[in-house]
Amino acid sequence: MKIPLLAFNDRGIYCQQADVYLDPWKPVKNAIITHGHSDHARWGNQNYITHHTNIPIIRHRLGEINVTGKEWGETFVINNVKFSLHPAGHIIGSSQVRVEHKGEVWVFTGDYKTEDDGISVPYEVVKCNTFITECTFGLPAFNWTPQAEVLTEINNWWAENKAEGKTSVLFGYSLGKAQRLLKYLDTDIGTIYTHGAIENMTNVLRPMVNFPPTTLVTRETKKEDLLGNIVLAPPSAHGSIWIRKMTPFVTGSASGWMAFRGARRRRAIDKGFVLSDHCDWFSLLDSIKATGAEKVICTHGYTDIFSKYLREIGYDARTEKTQYEGETDEMEKEVETVKEIQE
């Protein structure tokens, strides 16, 4: 029986021929990492390979690790298997992994989005035979509004809150979403304040992107300083002691899950903005078609529904279980970082 070029086991996605894992969830000898989110870049591997712009991100999160950086499209060969990294458009430094051996090509997307957010290198179509895709938002109900419209809505919301003498508190992941929001906040409205987790990560990324100035919220910050201004914070800061000094404040959350009416209500958020760093239903389908792949493997997200639809339209599609989260648990994703900042 032929051994697949990439196989799923209890440690991650494994290329046996090269003895390399892609985004392993348990410690391994050799790991190729797609991006810096904690469900894809974990501590404990002996050797890391990633795009060079992701190195400062994962070092910030994982500490001093043995890591090698690659350029986009740079081919590196391990035991006759060819690897290369290609832009995924998910967050800064995010990549897809192309794997080729004996004329067979597989692509692992990691997390990705096809809309150009202006801060990440835009997603690149990579032709392949087998496409391993996330499907975090793999339901027809998810159909994103263009980024520019959502960001205008956010700035208008901030201006309205300022007119009412209230502080705007906007929640987004400390890596990725926060920087996407920060890049386009209108500083003519007021000052942008940040939670420590977001300030620290943004400082890591400032050498790569020209972000507006920010002011860190500290113990010395008075609520009078914040009135009419905006505070960027990770989702898990909601309901914390830290946020009480913001009173009176209005909360907003930027997430793909805000497309579900109940999501904002369940999280006690005043205003939801539908903005995701993942593909919507239509972008997923367009991406798969563009690769020319005959086989599709669906990982995290609405895997069963999405793979069933792919089979109905003619693809050889199946699912595989992983420990990637997508945006399925945004509160948990930030917990460790936020604990560290608030202690």
C-alpha atoms as a PDB file:
ATOM      1  CA  MET A   1       0.000   0.000   0.000  1.00  0.00           C
ATOM      2  CA  LYS A   2       1.387   3.390  -1.033  1.00  0.00           C
ATOM      3  CA  ILE A   3       2.325   5.718   1.826  1.00  0.00           C
ATOM      4  CA  PRO A   4       0.682   9.128   1.290  1.00  0.00           C
ATOM      5  CA  LEU A   5       3.000  12.082   0.873  1.00  0.00           C
ATOM      6  CA  LEU A   6       1.383  13.679   3.919  1.00  0.00           C
ATOM      7  CA  ALA A   7      -0.343  11.676   6.637  1.00  0.00           C
ATOM      8  CA  PHE A   8      -2.213  12.645   9.800  1.00  0.00           C
ATOM      9  CA  ASN A   9      -1.101  11.051  13.061  1.00  0.00           C
ATOM     10  CA  ASP A  10      -1.262  11.810  16.773  1.00  0.00           C
ATOM     11  CA  ARG A  11       1.466  14.462  16.503  1.00  0.00           C
ATOM     12  CA  GLY A  12       0.466  16.387  13.396  1.00  0.00           C
ATOM     13  CA  ILE A  13       0.676  16.286   9.617  1.00  0.00           C
ATOM     14  CA  TYR A  14       3.627  14.077   8.786  1.00  0.00           C
ATOM     15  CA  CYS A  15       5.821  13.696   5.711  1.00  0.00           C
ATOM     16  CA  GLN A  16       7.476  10.326   6.338  1.00  0.00           C
ATOM     17  CA  GLN A  17       9.824  10.555   3.374  1.00  0.00           C
ATOM     18  CA  ALA A  18      11.382  13.755   4.788  1.00  0.00           C
ATOM     19  CA  ASP A  19      10.729  13.042   8.489  1.00  0.00           C
ATOM     20  CA  VAL A  20       9.130  16.470   8.824  1.00  0.00           C
ATOM     21  CA  TYR A  21       5.872  17.598  10.431  1.00  0.00           C
ATOM     22  CA  LEU A  22       3.692  20.514   9.372  1.00  0.00           C
ATOM     23  CA  ASP A  23       2.260  22.528  12.299  1.00  0.00           C
ATOM     24  CA  PRO A  24       2.588  19.635  14.783  1.00  0.00           C
ATOM     25  CA  TRP A  25       0.508  19.757  17.945  1.00  0.00           C
ATOM     26  CA  LYS A  26       2.975  17.614  19.912  1.00  0.00           C
ATOM     27  CA  PRO A  27       6.760  18.103  20.100  1.00  0.00           C
ATOM     28  CA  VAL A  28       8.726  16.638  17.167  1.00  0.00           C
ATOM     29  CA  LYS A  29      12.248  16.804  15.766  1.00  0.00           C
ATOM     30  CA  ASN A  30      11.536  18.846  12.618  1.00  0.00           C
ATOM     31  CA  ALA A  31       8.567  21.202  12.196  1.00  0.00           C
ATOM     32  CA  ILE A  32       7.505  23.490   9.357  1.00  0.00           C
ATOM     33  CA  ILE A  33       5.295  26.207  10.832  1.00  0.00           C
ATOM     34  CA  THR A  34       2.694  28.077   8.781  1.00  0.00           C
ATOM     35  CA  HIS A  35       2.103  31.010  11.141  1.00  0.00           C
ATOM     36  CA  GLY A  36       2.359  32.299  14.686  1.00  0.00           C
ATOM     37  CA  HIS A  37      -1.035  31.516  16.229  1.00  0.00           C
ATOM     38  CA  SER A  38      -0.719  29.218  19.221  1.00  0.00           C
ATOM     39  CA  ASP A  39      -2.714  26.337  17.720  1.00  0.00           C
ATOM     40  CA  HIS A  40      -0.242  26.108  14.814  1.00  0.00           C
ATOM     41  CA  ALA A  41       3.064  27.163  16.401  1.00  0.00           C
ATOM     42  CA  ARG A  42       3.651  25.206  19.584  1.00  0.00           C
ATOM     43  CA  TRP A  43       6.565  24.996  21.977  1.00  0.00           C
ATOM     44  CA  GLY A  44       8.874  21.970  22.237  1.00  0.00           C
ATOM     45  CA  ASN A  45      10.038  21.151  18.691  1.00  0.00           C
ATOM     46  CA  GLN A  46      13.777  20.685  18.165  1.00  0.00           C
ATOM     47  CA  ASN A  47      13.957  22.485  14.813  1.00  0.00           C
ATOM     48  CA  TYR A  48      11.555  25.015  13.301  1.00  0.00           C
ATOM     49  CA  ILE A  49      11.302  26.154   9.678  1.00  0.00           C
ATOM     50  CA  THR A  50       9.026  29.065   8.793  1.00  0.00           C
ATOM     51  CA  HIS A  51       8.864  32.214   6.684  1.00  0.00           C
ATOM     52  CA  HIS A  52      11.453  34.694   7.908  1.00  0.00           C
ATOM     53  CA  THR A  53       8.814  37.320   8.774  1.00  0.00           C
ATOM     54  CA  ASN A  54       7.236  34.810  11.148  1.00  0.00           C
ATOM     55  CA  ILE A  55      10.456  34.280  13.106  1.00  0.00           C
ATOM     56  CA  PRO A  56      10.139  37.330  15.421  1.00  0.00           C
ATOM     57  CA  ILE A  57       6.494  36.408  16.025  1.00  0.00           C
ATOM     58  CA  ILE A  58       7.116  32.831  17.113  1.00  0.00           C
ATOM     59  CA  ARG A  59      10.213  33.810  19.098  1.00  0.00           C
ATOM     60  CA  HIS A  60       8.097  36.368  20.956  1.00  0.00           C
ATOM     61  CA  ARG A  61       5.579  33.656  21.778  1.00  0.00           C
ATOM     62  CA  LEU A  62       7.814  30.598  22.229  1.00  0.00           C
ATOM     63  CA  GLY A  63      11.105  32.054  23.460  1.00  0.00           C
ATOM     64  CA  GLU A  64      14.571  31.250  22.130  1.00  0.00           C
ATOM     65  CA  ILE A  65      14.053  28.408  19.639  1.00  0.00           C
ATOM     66  CA  ASN A  66      16.169  26.884  16.877  1.00  0.00           C
ATOM     67  CA  VAL A  67      14.495  28.303  13.771  1.00  0.00           C
ATOM     68  CA  THR A  68      15.388  28.723  10.105  1.00  0.00           C
ATOM     69  CA  GLY A  69      13.699  31.334   7.912  1.00  0.00           C
ATOM     70  CA  LYS A  70      12.772  30.936   4.246  1.00  0.00           C
ATOM     71  CA  GLU A  71      11.728  33.315   1.474  1.00  0.00           C
ATOM     72  CA  TRP A  72       8.458  33.058  -0.447  1.00  0.00           C
ATOM     73  CA  GLY A  73       8.772  30.414  -3.137  1.00  0.00           C
ATOM     74  CA  GLU A  74      12.244  29.333  -2.025  1.00  0.00           C
ATOM     75  CA  THR A  75      12.623  25.597  -2.641  1.00  0.00           C
ATOM     76  CA  PHE A  76      14.354  23.587   0.072  1.00  0.00           C
ATOM     77  CA  VAL A  77      14.916  19.860  -0.252  1.00  0.00           C
ATOM     78  CA  ILE A  78      14.828  17.344   2.594  1.00  0.00           C
ATOM     79  CA  ASN A  79      15.590  13.723   1.643  1.00  0.00           C
ATOM     80  CA  ASN A  80      14.504  14.302  -1.978  1.00  0.00           C
ATOM     81  CA  VAL A  81      11.233  15.986  -0.974  1.00  0.00           C
ATOM     82  CA  LYS A  82      10.827  19.546  -2.230  1.00  0.00           C
ATOM     83  CA  PHE A  83       9.231  22.094   0.088  1.00  0.00           C
ATOM     84  CA  SER A  84       8.373  25.760  -0.424  1.00  0.00           C
ATOM     85  CA  LEU A  85       6.362  28.408   1.425  1.00  0.00           C
ATOM     86  CA  HIS A  86       3.740  30.587  -0.245  1.00  0.00           C
ATOM     87  CA  PRO A  87       1.652  33.481   1.119  1.00  0.00           C
ATOM     88  CA  ALA A  88      -1.558  32.494   2.918  1.00  0.00           C
ATOM     89  CA  GLY A  89      -2.877  36.016   3.552  1.00  0.00           C
ATOM     90  CA  HIS A  90      -4.133  34.999   7.014  1.00  0.00           C
ATOM     91  CA  ILE A  91      -1.910  37.234   9.173  1.00  0.00           C
ATOM     92  CA  ILE A  92       1.555  38.748   8.862  1.00  0.00           C
ATOM     93  CA  GLY A  93       4.093  36.001   8.141  1.00  0.00           C
ATOM     94  CA  SER A  94       1.488  33.310   7.377  1.00  0.00           C
ATOM     95  CA  SER A  95       2.244  30.760   4.704  1.00  0.00           C
ATOM     96  CA  GLN A  96       0.972  27.724   2.874  1.00  0.00           C
ATOM     97  CA  VAL A  97       3.333  24.766   2.546  1.00  0.00           C
ATOM     98  CA  ARG A  98       3.868  23.175  -0.873  1.00  0.00           C
ATOM     99  CA  VAL A  99       5.258  19.629  -0.771  1.00  0.00           C
ATOM    100  CA  GLU A 100       6.447  17.796  -3.900  1.00  0.00           C
ATOM    101  CA  HIS A 101       7.833  14.294  -4.374  1.00  0.00           C
ATOM    102  CA  LYS A 102       8.049  12.174  -7.531  1.00  0.00           C
ATOM    103  CA  GLY A 103       5.743  14.470  -9.473  1.00  0.00           C
ATOM    104  CA  GLU A 104       3.044  14.555  -6.784  1.00  0.00           C
ATOM    105  CA  VAL A 105       2.195  17.921  -5.216  1.00  0.00           C
ATOM    106  CA  TRP A 106       0.327  18.569  -1.970  1.00  0.00           C
ATOM    107  CA  VAL A 107      -0.458  21.964  -0.442  1.00  0.00           C
ATOM    108  CA  PHE A 108      -1.275  22.573   3.215  1.00  0.00           C
ATOM    109  CA  THR A 109      -2.961  25.952   3.690  1.00  0.00           C
ATOM    110  CA  GLY A 110      -2.669  26.392   7.437  1.00  0.00           C
ATOM    111  CA  ASP A 111      -5.170  29.211   7.997  1.00  0.00           C
ATOM    112  CA  TYR A 112      -5.812  31.523   5.060  1.00  0.00           C
ATOM    113  CA  LYS A 113      -7.941  34.267   3.570  1.00  0.00           C
ATOM    114  CA  THR A 114      -8.063  35.552   0.019  1.00  0.00           C
ATOM    115  CA  GLU A 115      -9.032  39.179   0.705  1.00  0.00           C
ATOM    116  CA  ASP A 116      -5.980  41.472   0.696  1.00  0.00           C
ATOM    117  CA  ASP A 117      -5.932  43.115   4.136  1.00  0.00           C
ATOM    118  CA  GLY A 118      -3.108  45.526   3.287  1.00  0.00           C
ATOM    119  CA  ILE A 119      -0.725  44.281   5.987  1.00  0.00           C
ATOM    120  CA  SER A 120      -0.201  40.598   5.133  1.00  0.00           C
ATOM    121  CA  VAL A 121       1.323  39.376   1.871  1.00  0.00           C
ATOM    122  CA  PRO A 122      -1.797  38.444  -0.165  1.00  0.00           C
ATOM    123  CA  TYR A 123      -2.849  34.833  -0.654  1.00  0.00           C
ATOM    124  CA  GLU A 124      -1.247  33.068  -3.612  1.00  0.00           C
ATOM    125  CA  VAL A 125      -2.888  30.258  -5.574  1.00  0.00           C
ATOM    126  CA  VAL A 126      -0.607  27.196  -5.635  1.00  0.00           C
ATOM    127  CA  LYS A 127      -1.455  24.426  -8.102  1.00  0.00           C
ATOM    128  CA  CYS A 128      -1.521  20.942  -6.614  1.00  0.00           C
ATOM    129  CA  ASN A 129      -2.970  17.429  -6.739  1.00  0.00           C
ATOM    130  CA  THR A 130      -4.121  17.356  -3.105  1.00  0.00           C
ATOM    131  CA  PHE A 131      -5.220  20.418  -1.161  1.00  0.00           C
ATOM    132  CA  ILE A 132      -5.392  20.357   2.660  1.00  0.00           C
ATOM    133  CA  THR A 133      -7.719  23.197   3.578  1.00  0.00           C
ATOM    134  CA  GLU A 134      -9.144  24.683   6.724  1.00  0.00           C
ATOM    135  CA  CYS A 135     -12.892  25.375   6.650  1.00  0.00           C
ATOM    136  CA  THR A 136     -13.425  27.398   9.825  1.00  0.00           C
ATOM    137  CA  PHE A 137     -16.295  29.231   8.131  1.00  0.00           C
ATOM    138  CA  GLY A 138     -17.321  26.480   5.742  1.00  0.00           C
ATOM    139  CA  LEU A 139     -21.051  27.251   5.691  1.00  0.00           C
ATOM    140  CA  PRO A 140     -22.984  29.176   2.990  1.00  0.00           C
ATOM    141  CA  ALA A 141     -24.169  31.586   5.708  1.00  0.00           C
ATOM    142  CA  PHE A 142     -20.678  33.084   5.855  1.00  0.00           C
ATOM    143  CA  ASN A 143     -20.287  35.670   3.099  1.00  0.00           C
ATOM    144  CA  TRP A 144     -17.966  38.507   4.105  1.00  0.00           C
ATOM    145  CA  THR A 145     -18.573  42.192   3.489  1.00  0.00           C
ATOM    146  CA  PRO A 146     -15.509  43.902   1.922  1.00  0.00           C
ATOM    147  CA  GLN A 147     -12.968  45.007   4.531  1.00  0.00           C
ATOM    148  CA  ALA A 148     -13.172  48.707   3.618  1.00  0.00           C
ATOM    149  CA  GLU A 149     -16.893  48.818   4.436  1.00  0.00           C
ATOM    150  CA  VAL A 150     -16.436  47.110   7.799  1.00  0.00           C
ATOM    151  CA  LEU A 151     -13.574  49.402   8.788  1.00  0.00           C
ATOM    152  CA  THR A 152     -15.637  52.481   7.884  1.00  0.00           C
ATOM    153  CA  GLU A 153     -18.394  51.111  10.098  1.00  0.00           C
ATOM    154  CA  ILE A 154     -15.912  50.695  12.970  1.00  0.00           C
ATOM    155  CA  ASN A 155     -14.595  54.248  12.671  1.00  0.00           C
ATOM    156  CA  ASN A 156     -18.156  55.625  12.533  1.00  0.00           C
ATOM    157  CA  TRP A 157     -19.010  53.637  15.672  1.00  0.00           C
ATOM    158  CA  TRP A 158     -15.987  55.092  17.456  1.00  0.00           C
ATOM    159  CA  ALA A 159     -16.947  58.645  16.424  1.00  0.00           C
ATOM    160  CA  GLU A 160     -20.520  58.128  17.673  1.00  0.00           C
ATOM    161  CA  ASN A 161     -19.285  56.833  21.022  1.00  0.00           C
ATOM    162  CA  LYS A 162     -16.950  59.795  21.345  1.00  0.00           C
ATOM    163  CA  ALA A 163     -19.838  62.195  20.705  1.00  0.00           C
ATOM    164  CA  GLU A 164     -21.657  60.524  23.605  1.00  0.00           C
ATOM    165  CA  GLY A 165     -18.642  60.862  25.911  1.00  0.00           C
ATOM    166  CA  LYS A 166     -17.916  57.135  26.060  1.00  0.00           C
ATOM    167  CA  THR A 167     -14.799  55.024  25.617  1.00  0.00           C
ATOM    168  CA  SER A 168     -14.838  52.499  22.749  1.00  0.00           C
ATOM    169  CA  VAL A 169     -13.383  49.095  23.638  1.00  0.00           C
ATOM    170  CA  LEU A 170     -12.772  46.946  20.565  1.00  0.00           C
ATOM    171  CA  PHE A 171     -11.868  43.270  20.941  1.00  0.00           C
ATOM    172  CA  GLY A 172      -9.641  41.360  18.519  1.00  0.00           C
ATOM    173  CA  TYR A 173      -6.909  38.699  18.719  1.00  0.00           C
ATOM    174  CA  SER A 174      -3.587  40.094  19.908  1.00  0.00           C
ATOM    175  CA  LEU A 175      -1.880  38.659  16.811  1.00  0.00           C
ATOM    176  CA  GLY A 176      -3.476  39.368  13.449  1.00  0.00           C
ATOM    177  CA  LYS A 177      -6.879  40.921  14.030  1.00  0.00           C
ATOM    178  CA  ALA A 178      -5.618  43.632  16.368  1.00  0.00           C
ATOM    179  CA  GLN A 179      -3.016  44.837  13.857  1.00  0.00           C
ATOM    180  CA  ARG A 180      -5.530  44.731  11.007  1.00  0.00           C
ATOM    181  CA  LEU A 181      -7.858  46.952  13.036  1.00  0.00           C
ATOM    182  CA  LEU A 182      -5.059  49.223  14.210  1.00  0.00           C
ATOM    183  CA  LYS A 183      -3.797  49.875  10.684  1.00  0.00           C
ATOM    184  CA  TYR A 184      -7.084  51.454   9.631  1.00  0.00           C
ATOM    185  CA  LEU A 185      -8.372  53.188  12.763  1.00  0.00           C
ATOM    186  CA  ASP A 186      -8.830  56.905  12.099  1.00  0.00           C
ATOM    187  CA  THR A 187      -6.500  58.794  14.435  1.00  0.00           C
ATOM    188  CA  ASP A 188      -8.323  62.047  13.592  1.00  0.00           C
ATOM    189  CA  ILE A 189     -11.093  60.762  15.864  1.00  0.00           C
ATOM    190  CA  GLY A 190      -8.870  60.272  18.893  1.00  0.00           C
ATOM    191  CA  THR A 191      -6.105  58.316  20.563  1.00  0.00           C
ATOM    192  CA  ILE A 192      -5.645  54.567  20.175  1.00  0.00           C
ATOM    193  CA  TYR A 193      -4.968  52.829  23.500  1.00  0.00           C
ATOM    194  CA  THR A 194      -3.897  49.202  23.778  1.00  0.00           C
ATOM    195  CA  HIS A 195      -3.967  46.288  26.192  1.00  0.00           C
ATOM    196  CA  GLY A 196      -0.454  45.008  27.008  1.00  0.00           C
ATOM    197  CA  ALA A 197      -0.844  41.787  24.999  1.00  0.00           C
ATOM    198  CA  ILE A 198      -1.667  43.772  21.863  1.00  0.00           C
ATOM    199  CA  GLU A 199       0.943  46.469  22.511  1.00  0.00           C
ATOM    200  CA  ASN A 200       3.702  43.894  22.926  1.00  0.00           C
ATOM    201  CA  MET A 201       2.796  41.961  19.783  1.00  0.00           C
ATOM    202  CA  THR A 202       2.368  45.133  17.740  1.00  0.00           C
ATOM    203  CA  ASN A 203       5.828  46.301  18.763  1.00  0.00           C
ATOM    204  CA  VAL A 204       7.220  43.032  17.378  1.00  0.00           C
ATOM    205  CA  LEU A 205       5.508  43.785  14.057  1.00  0.00           C
ATOM    206  CA  ARG A 206       6.217  47.520  13.755  1.00  0.00           C
ATOM    207  CA  PRO A 207       9.480  46.952  11.817  1.00  0.00           C
ATOM    208  CA  MET A 208       7.396  45.253   9.100  1.00  0.00           C
ATOM    209  CA  VAL A 209       4.325  47.530   8.925  1.00  0.00           C
ATOM    210  CA  ASN A 210       3.752  51.254   9.400  1.00  0.00           C
ATOM    211  CA  PHE A 211       1.126  51.275  12.148  1.00  0.00           C
ATOM    212  CA  PRO A 212      -0.416  54.370  13.779  1.00  0.00           C
ATOM    213  CA  PRO A 213       0.941  55.334  17.201  1.00  0.00           C
ATOM    214  CA  THR A 214      -0.575  53.650  20.248  1.00  0.00           C
ATOM    215  CA  THR A 215      -0.636  54.305  23.983  1.00  0.00           C
ATOM    216  CA  LEU A 216      -0.407  51.437  26.448  1.00  0.00           C
ATOM    217  CA  VAL A 217      -3.058  51.240  29.155  1.00  0.00           C
ATOM    218  CA  THR A 218      -1.230  51.047  32.494  1.00  0.00           C
ATOM    219  CA  ARG A 219      -2.147  51.224  36.179  1.00  0.00           C
ATOM    220  CA  GLU A 220      -1.545  54.980  35.960  1.00  0.00           C
ATOM    221  CA  THR A 221      -4.035  55.455  33.104  1.00  0.00           C
ATOM    222  CA  LYS A 222      -7.105  57.355  34.307  1.00  0.00           C
ATOM    223  CA  LYS A 223     -10.555  56.761  32.902  1.00  0.00           C
ATOM    224  CA  GLU A 224     -10.682  60.467  32.022  1.00  0.00           C
ATOM    225  CA  ASP A 225      -7.741  59.843  29.667  1.00  0.00           C
ATOM    226  CA  LEU A 226      -9.732  57.177  27.857  1.00  0.00           C
ATOM    227  CA  LEU A 227     -13.035  59.009  27.380  1.00  0.00           C
ATOM    228  CA  GLY A 228     -13.828  59.423  23.685  1.00  0.00           C
ATOM    229  CA  ASN A 229     -10.820  57.358  22.662  1.00  0.00           C
ATOM    230  CA  ILE A 230     -10.577  53.708  21.591  1.00  0.00           C
ATOM    231  CA  VAL A 231      -8.980  50.760  23.395  1.00  0.00           C
ATOM    232  CA  LEU A 232      -7.864  47.645  21.509  1.00  0.00           C
ATOM    233  CA  ALA A 233      -8.004  44.555  23.709  1.00  0.00           C
ATOM    234  CA  PRO A 234      -7.968  40.752  23.329  1.00  0.00           C
ATOM    235  CA  PRO A 235     -11.359  39.000  23.749  1.00  0.00           C
ATOM    236  CA  SER A 236     -10.463  37.477  27.099  1.00  0.00           C
ATOM    237  CA  ALA A 237     -10.029  40.945  28.642  1.00  0.00           C
ATOM    238  CA  HIS A 238     -13.819  41.300  28.429  1.00  0.00           C
ATOM    239  CA  GLY A 239     -15.302  41.105  31.910  1.00  0.00           C
ATOM    240  CA  SER A 240     -11.909  41.371  33.607  1.00  0.00           C
ATOM    241  CA  ILE A 241     -10.896  43.710  36.421  1.00  0.00           C
ATOM    242  CA  TRP A 242      -8.656  45.469  33.879  1.00  0.00           C
ATOM    243  CA  ILE A 243     -11.604  46.746  31.869  1.00  0.00           C
ATOM    244  CA  ARG A 244     -13.517  48.308  34.762  1.00  0.00           C
ATOM    245  CA  LYS A 245     -11.450  51.496  34.661  1.00  0.00           C
ATOM    246  CA  MET A 246     -12.903  52.190  31.202  1.00  0.00           C
ATOM    247  CA  THR A 247     -16.377  53.103  32.548  1.00  0.00           C
ATOM    248  CA  PRO A 248     -18.393  54.470  30.821  1.00  0.00           C
ATOM    249  CA  PHE A 249     -17.514  52.305  27.844  1.00  0.00           C
ATOM    250  CA  VAL A 250     -19.104  50.599  24.842  1.00  0.00           C
ATOM    251  CA  THR A 251     -17.810  47.241  23.621  1.00  0.00           C
ATOM    252  CA  GLY A 252     -17.334  45.996  20.072  1.00  0.00           C
ATOM    253  CA  SER A 253     -15.938  42.751  18.688  1.00  0.00           C
ATOM    254  CA  ALA A 254     -14.423  42.090  15.258  1.00  0.00           C
ATOM    255  CA  SER A 255     -14.836  38.430  14.307  1.00  0.00           C
ATOM    256  CA  GLY A 256     -16.314  36.216  11.634  1.00  0.00           C
ATOM    257  CA  TRP A 257     -18.616  34.813  14.322  1.00  0.00           C
ATOM    258  CA  MET A 258     -20.374  38.162  14.536  1.00  0.00           C
ATOM    259  CA  ALA A 259     -22.236  37.000  11.415  1.00  0.00           C
ATOM    260  CA  PHE A 260     -24.317  34.908  13.829  1.00  0.00           C
ATOM    261  CA  ARG A 261     -26.775  37.118  15.690  1.00  0.00           C
ATOM    262  CA  GLY A 262     -26.543  35.057  18.849  1.00  0.00           C
ATOM    263  CA  ALA A 263     -22.748  35.337  19.088  1.00  0.00           C
ATOM    264  CA  ARG A 264     -22.753  38.997  20.100  1.00  0.00           C
ATOM    265  CA  ARG A 265     -25.544  38.419  22.613  1.00  0.00           C
ATOM    266  CA  ARG A 266     -23.858  35.385  24.191  1.00  0.00           C
ATOM    267  CA  ARG A 267     -20.623  37.297  24.655  1.00  0.00           C
ATOM    268  CA  ALA A 268     -22.382  40.390  26.013  1.00  0.00           C
ATOM    269  CA  ILE A 269     -20.935  42.590  23.263  1.00  0.00           C
ATOM    270  CA  ASP A 270     -22.646  45.884  22.418  1.00  0.00           C
ATOM    271  CA  LYS A 271     -21.669  45.933  18.751  1.00  0.00           C
ATOM    272  CA  GLY A 272     -20.431  43.182  16.441  1.00  0.00           C
ATOM    273  CA  PHE A 273     -18.333  43.720  13.322  1.00  0.00           C
ATOM    274  CA  VAL A 274     -18.049  40.839  10.859  1.00  0.00           C
ATOM    275  CA  LEU A 275     -14.336  40.773  10.067  1.00  0.00           C
ATOM    276  CA  SER A 276     -12.459  37.497   9.752  1.00  0.00           C
ATOM    277  CA  ASP A 277      -8.901  36.454   8.966  1.00  0.00           C
ATOM    278  CA  HIS A 278     -10.288  33.269   7.379  1.00  0.00           C
ATOM    279  CA  CYS A 279     -12.032  32.540   4.079  1.00  0.00           C
ATOM    280  CA  ASP A 280     -15.797  32.637   3.836  1.00  0.00           C
ATOM    281  CA  TRP A 281     -17.764  29.878   2.046  1.00  0.00           C
ATOM    282  CA  PHE A 282     -17.348  31.343  -1.415  1.00  0.00           C
ATOM    283  CA  SER A 283     -13.639  32.102  -1.027  1.00  0.00           C
ATOM    284  CA  LEU A 284     -13.015  28.534   0.121  1.00  0.00           C
ATOM    285  CA  LEU A 285     -14.736  27.152  -2.981  1.00  0.00           C
ATOM    286  CA  ASP A 286     -12.973  29.583  -5.327  1.00  0.00           C
ATOM    287  CA  SER A 287      -9.591  28.768  -3.768  1.00  0.00           C
ATOM    288  CA  ILE A 288     -10.058  25.030  -4.140  1.00  0.00           C
ATOM    289  CA  LYS A 289     -11.129  25.358  -7.756  1.00  0.00           C
ATOM    290  CA  ALA A 290      -8.139  27.591  -8.566  1.00  0.00           C
ATOM    291  CA  THR A 291      -5.630  25.012  -7.287  1.00  0.00           C
ATOM    292  CA  GLY A 292      -6.810  22.394  -9.805  1.00  0.00           C
ATOM    293  CA  ALA A 293      -6.682  19.786  -7.030  1.00  0.00           C
ATOM    294  CA  GLU A 294      -8.556  16.526  -7.501  1.00  0.00           C
ATOM    295  CA  LYS A 295      -8.374  15.595  -3.812  1.00  0.00           C
ATOM    296  CA  VAL A 296      -9.297  17.843  -0.904  1.00  0.00           C
ATOM    297  CA  ILE A 297      -8.757  17.167   2.795  1.00  0.00           C
ATOM    298  CA  CYS A 298     -10.768  19.344   5.173  1.00  0.00           C
ATOM    299  CA  THR A 299      -9.313  20.018   8.603  1.00  0.00           C
ATOM    300  CA  HIS A 300     -10.660  22.376  11.281  1.00  0.00           C
ATOM    301  CA  GLY A 301     -14.051  24.049  11.070  1.00  0.00           C
ATOM    302  CA  TYR A 302     -17.294  22.826   9.506  1.00  0.00           C
ATOM    303  CA  THR A 303     -15.462  19.850   8.042  1.00  0.00           C
ATOM    304  CA  ASP A 304     -18.343  17.389   7.640  1.00  0.00           C
ATOM    305  CA  ILE A 305     -20.733  19.814   5.966  1.00  0.00           C
ATOM    306  CA  PHE A 306     -18.078  21.333   3.749  1.00  0.00           C
ATOM    307  CA  SER A 307     -16.528  18.037   2.621  1.00  0.00           C
ATOM    308  CA  LYS A 308     -19.989  16.596   1.901  1.00  0.00           C
ATOM    309  CA  TYR A 309     -20.727  19.550  -0.382  1.00  0.00           C
ATOM    310  CA  LEU A 310     -17.359  19.129  -2.121  1.00  0.00           C
ATOM    311  CA  ARG A 311     -18.174  15.483  -2.843  1.00  0.00           C
ATOM    312  CA  GLU A 312     -21.557  16.493  -4.227  1.00  0.00           C
ATOM    313  CA  ILE A 313     -19.884  18.787  -6.757  1.00  0.00           C
ATOM    314  CA  GLY A 314     -17.353  16.189  -7.840  1.00  0.00           C
ATOM    315  CA  TYR A 315     -14.294  16.399  -5.609  1.00  0.00           C
ATOM    316  CA  ASP A 316     -12.633  13.475  -3.875  1.00  0.00           C
ATOM    317  CA  ALA A 317     -13.024  15.089  -0.447  1.00  0.00           C
ATOM    318  CA  ARG A 318     -12.647  13.828   3.089  1.00  0.00           C
ATOM    319  CA  THR A 319     -12.023  15.108   6.608  1.00  0.00           C
ATOM    320  CA  GLU A 320      -9.151  14.711   9.060  1.00  0.00           C
ATOM    321  CA  LYS A 321      -9.101  15.528  12.754  1.00  0.00           C
ATOM    322  CA  THR A 322      -6.488  18.013  13.943  1.00  0.00           C
ATOM    323  CA  GLN A 323      -5.927  20.164  17.001  1.00  0.00           C
ATOM    324  CA  TYR A 324      -6.194  23.423  15.070  1.00  0.00           C
ATOM    325  CA  GLU A 325      -8.868  25.771  16.354  1.00  0.00           C
ATOM    326  CA  GLY A 326      -9.410  28.402  13.668  1.00  0.00           C
ATOM    327  CA  GLU A 327     -11.622  30.985  15.348  1.00  0.00           C
ATOM    328  CA  THR A 328     -13.601  28.315  17.204  1.00  0.00           C
ATOM    329  CA  ASP A 329     -12.495  29.409  20.674  1.00  0.00           C
ATOM    330  CA  GLU A 330     -11.253  32.949  20.598  1.00  0.00           C
ATOM    331  CA  MET A 331     -11.467  33.397  24.354  1.00  0.00           C
ATOM    332  CA  GLU A 332      -9.142  30.470  25.052  1.00  0.00           C
ATOM    333  CA  LYS A 333      -6.639  31.487  22.399  1.00  0.00           C
ATOM    334  CA  GLU A 334      -5.623  34.586  24.310  1.00  0.00           C
ATOM    335  CA  VAL A 335      -5.808  33.318  27.894  1.00  0.00           C
ATOM    336  CA  GLU A 336      -2.128  32.602  28.570  1.00  0.00           C
ATOM    337  CA  THR A 337      -0.902  35.847  27.033  1.00  0.00           C
ATOM    338  CA  VAL A 338      -3.453  37.927  28.882  1.00  0.00           C
ATOM    339  CA  LYS A 339      -2.772  36.227  32.214  1.00  0.00           C
ATOM    340  CA  GLU A 340       0.884  37.072  31.803  1.00  0.00           C
ATOM    341  CA  ILE A 341       0.122  40.737  31.099  1.00  0.00           C
ATOM    342  CA  GLN A 342      -2.403  41.185  33.907  1.00  0.00           C
ATOM    343  CA  GLU A 343      -0.492  39.436  36.705  1.00  0.00           C
END
